[in-house]
Amino acid sequence: FRLGAIVSPQHPLARHQAIAFADCVEHGLIMAKSELSIHHLLAPLQRRLREPRRAVLESSSLELSRQL
C-alpha cells in the first residue's frame, strides 16, 4: 500500500507529487507509536537512513498529529 505524509499547504514538501521517506526526515517527524502497525512499516525505512533521526514526537492519534 501507499504511505502518505500530512503537511500544511505552506510546507516545502506540499508542492511535490511524490516524496520519499528520506525527504521527510529532513523535517521534524511525528511518528506513530510502536503499538500501531504503521510504526513497524516505517521503522525499517528509518533504519536504512545514513543518519537515522529521532522523531520530534510519537503519537497514536492521527488527528493530534495533523493539528501539530
N, C-alpha and C. Protein backbone atom coordinates (compact mmCIF):
# COMPACT_ATOMS: atom_id res chain seq x y z
N PHE A 1 0.83 -1.18 0.00
CA PHE A 1 0.00 0.00 0.00
C PHE A 1 0.88 1.25 0.00
N ARG A 2 0.26 2.37 -0.30
CA ARG A 2 0.98 3.64 -0.34
C ARG A 2 0.92 4.34 1.00
N LEU A 3 2.04 4.91 1.39
CA LEU A 3 2.09 5.73 2.60
C LEU A 3 1.95 7.18 2.20
N GLY A 4 1.51 7.99 3.11
CA GLY A 4 1.38 9.41 2.83
C GLY A 4 2.00 10.24 3.94
N ALA A 5 2.18 11.49 3.65
CA ALA A 5 2.68 12.45 4.63
C ALA A 5 1.65 13.56 4.78
N ILE A 6 1.43 13.98 5.98
CA ILE A 6 0.50 15.08 6.23
C ILE A 6 1.32 16.34 6.46
N VAL A 7 1.17 17.30 5.58
CA VAL A 7 1.88 18.58 5.70
C VAL A 7 0.91 19.72 5.41
N SER A 8 1.22 20.88 5.92
CA SER A 8 0.37 22.05 5.63
C SER A 8 0.58 22.48 4.18
N PRO A 9 -0.36 23.20 3.61
CA PRO A 9 -0.21 23.67 2.23
C PRO A 9 1.03 24.55 2.04
N GLN A 10 1.50 25.19 3.09
CA GLN A 10 2.67 26.05 3.00
C GLN A 10 3.99 25.31 3.17
N HIS A 11 3.95 24.06 3.54
CA HIS A 11 5.16 23.28 3.78
C HIS A 11 5.90 23.06 2.47
N PRO A 12 7.25 23.08 2.48
CA PRO A 12 8.03 22.88 1.26
C PRO A 12 7.72 21.56 0.52
N LEU A 13 7.35 20.52 1.24
CA LEU A 13 7.06 19.24 0.59
C LEU A 13 5.67 19.20 -0.05
N ALA A 14 4.81 20.14 0.27
CA ALA A 14 3.43 20.14 -0.22
C ALA A 14 3.35 20.29 -1.73
N ARG A 15 4.32 20.90 -2.34
CA ARG A 15 4.26 21.13 -3.80
C ARG A 15 4.69 19.92 -4.63
N HIS A 16 5.19 18.88 -3.97
CA HIS A 16 5.66 17.69 -4.68
C HIS A 16 4.53 16.68 -4.87
N GLN A 17 4.51 16.04 -6.01
CA GLN A 17 3.53 14.97 -6.28
C GLN A 17 3.87 13.72 -5.47
N ALA A 18 5.16 13.42 -5.37
CA ALA A 18 5.61 12.24 -4.63
C ALA A 18 6.86 12.63 -3.84
N ILE A 19 6.99 12.06 -2.67
CA ILE A 19 8.17 12.30 -1.85
C ILE A 19 8.64 10.97 -1.26
N ALA A 20 9.92 10.90 -0.96
CA ALA A 20 10.49 9.71 -0.33
C ALA A 20 10.53 9.91 1.18
N PHE A 21 10.61 8.82 1.90
CA PHE A 21 10.72 8.90 3.35
C PHE A 21 11.95 9.73 3.74
N ALA A 22 13.04 9.57 3.00
CA ALA A 22 14.27 10.33 3.27
C ALA A 22 14.03 11.83 3.15
N ASP A 23 13.13 12.25 2.26
CA ASP A 23 12.80 13.67 2.15
C ASP A 23 12.10 14.16 3.43
N CYS A 24 11.27 13.32 3.98
CA CYS A 24 10.50 13.70 5.17
C CYS A 24 11.38 13.87 6.40
N VAL A 25 12.42 13.06 6.53
CA VAL A 25 13.23 13.13 7.75
C VAL A 25 14.06 14.40 7.83
N GLU A 26 14.16 15.12 6.73
CA GLU A 26 14.84 16.41 6.77
C GLU A 26 14.03 17.43 7.56
N HIS A 27 12.80 17.12 7.83
CA HIS A 27 11.89 17.99 8.57
C HIS A 27 11.52 17.27 9.87
N GLY A 28 10.94 17.96 10.81
CA GLY A 28 10.55 17.33 12.07
C GLY A 28 9.46 16.29 11.84
N LEU A 29 9.74 15.06 12.22
CA LEU A 29 8.77 13.97 12.01
C LEU A 29 7.95 13.71 13.26
N ILE A 30 6.68 13.50 13.04
CA ILE A 30 5.80 12.96 14.08
C ILE A 30 5.52 11.53 13.64
N MET A 31 6.01 10.58 14.40
CA MET A 31 5.89 9.17 14.04
C MET A 31 4.78 8.50 14.85
N ALA A 32 4.30 7.40 14.31
CA ALA A 32 3.30 6.59 15.01
C ALA A 32 3.96 5.86 16.17
N LYS A 33 3.22 5.72 17.26
CA LYS A 33 3.73 4.97 18.40
C LYS A 33 3.94 3.51 18.03
N SER A 34 4.81 2.85 18.78
CA SER A 34 5.21 1.48 18.45
C SER A 34 4.06 0.48 18.48
N GLU A 35 2.99 0.76 19.19
CA GLU A 35 1.87 -0.20 19.22
C GLU A 35 1.01 -0.15 17.95
N LEU A 36 1.23 0.81 17.09
CA LEU A 36 0.48 0.92 15.84
C LEU A 36 1.21 0.17 14.72
N SER A 37 0.49 -0.50 13.86
CA SER A 37 1.11 -1.31 12.81
C SER A 37 1.94 -0.47 11.85
N ILE A 38 1.56 0.77 11.61
CA ILE A 38 2.30 1.63 10.69
C ILE A 38 3.72 1.88 11.20
N HIS A 39 3.89 1.90 12.51
CA HIS A 39 5.23 2.10 13.09
C HIS A 39 6.18 1.01 12.60
N HIS A 40 5.70 -0.21 12.55
CA HIS A 40 6.54 -1.34 12.15
C HIS A 40 6.84 -1.33 10.65
N LEU A 41 6.05 -0.61 9.88
CA LEU A 41 6.34 -0.45 8.46
C LEU A 41 7.36 0.67 8.23
N LEU A 42 7.33 1.68 9.06
CA LEU A 42 8.24 2.81 8.91
C LEU A 42 9.61 2.57 9.56
N ALA A 43 9.67 1.75 10.58
CA ALA A 43 10.92 1.51 11.30
C ALA A 43 12.05 1.03 10.38
N PRO A 44 11.82 0.08 9.46
CA PRO A 44 12.91 -0.33 8.56
C PRO A 44 13.38 0.81 7.66
N LEU A 45 12.47 1.66 7.23
CA LEU A 45 12.86 2.81 6.41
C LEU A 45 13.76 3.75 7.20
N GLN A 46 13.43 3.94 8.43
CA GLN A 46 14.22 4.83 9.28
C GLN A 46 15.60 4.23 9.55
N ARG A 47 15.69 2.93 9.73
CA ARG A 47 16.98 2.28 9.99
C ARG A 47 17.90 2.33 8.78
N ARG A 48 17.33 2.39 7.58
CA ARG A 48 18.15 2.41 6.36
C ARG A 48 18.80 3.76 6.07
N LEU A 49 18.38 4.78 6.77
CA LEU A 49 18.95 6.10 6.53
C LEU A 49 20.40 6.15 6.99
N ARG A 50 21.23 6.92 6.28
CA ARG A 50 22.63 7.07 6.68
C ARG A 50 22.75 7.64 8.08
N GLU A 51 21.93 8.63 8.35
CA GLU A 51 21.92 9.26 9.67
C GLU A 51 20.50 9.20 10.22
N PRO A 52 20.16 8.09 10.88
CA PRO A 52 18.80 7.98 11.42
C PRO A 52 18.47 9.15 12.34
N ARG A 53 17.27 9.65 12.21
CA ARG A 53 16.82 10.78 13.03
C ARG A 53 15.71 10.32 13.94
N ARG A 54 15.69 10.91 15.09
CA ARG A 54 14.61 10.60 16.04
C ARG A 54 13.39 11.45 15.70
N ALA A 55 12.26 10.91 15.99
CA ALA A 55 11.01 11.65 15.80
C ALA A 55 10.93 12.79 16.81
N VAL A 56 10.34 13.89 16.40
CA VAL A 56 10.10 15.00 17.30
C VAL A 56 9.06 14.59 18.34
N LEU A 57 8.12 13.76 17.90
CA LEU A 57 7.02 13.32 18.75
C LEU A 57 6.52 11.98 18.23
N GLU A 58 6.06 11.12 19.14
CA GLU A 58 5.37 9.90 18.75
C GLU A 58 3.93 10.02 19.23
N SER A 59 3.01 9.65 18.36
CA SER A 59 1.59 9.81 18.69
C SER A 59 0.80 8.61 18.18
N SER A 60 -0.28 8.30 18.86
CA SER A 60 -1.20 7.27 18.36
C SER A 60 -2.45 7.92 17.78
N SER A 61 -2.46 9.25 17.71
CA SER A 61 -3.62 9.98 17.22
C SER A 61 -3.30 10.71 15.92
N LEU A 62 -3.94 10.31 14.85
CA LEU A 62 -3.76 10.98 13.57
C LEU A 62 -4.26 12.42 13.65
N GLU A 63 -5.36 12.62 14.34
CA GLU A 63 -5.92 13.97 14.48
C GLU A 63 -4.96 14.90 15.21
N LEU A 64 -4.36 14.44 16.29
CA LEU A 64 -3.38 15.25 17.01
C LEU A 64 -2.19 15.56 16.12
N SER A 65 -1.69 14.56 15.42
CA SER A 65 -0.55 14.76 14.52
C SER A 65 -0.89 15.79 13.44
N ARG A 66 -2.07 15.72 12.90
CA ARG A 66 -2.50 16.65 11.85
C ARG A 66 -2.55 18.08 12.38
N GLN A 67 -3.00 18.24 13.60
CA GLN A 67 -3.12 19.58 14.18
C GLN A 67 -1.77 20.22 14.49
N LEU A 68 -0.76 19.39 14.69
CA LEU A 68 0.56 19.93 15.00
C LEU A 68 1.25 20.35 13.73
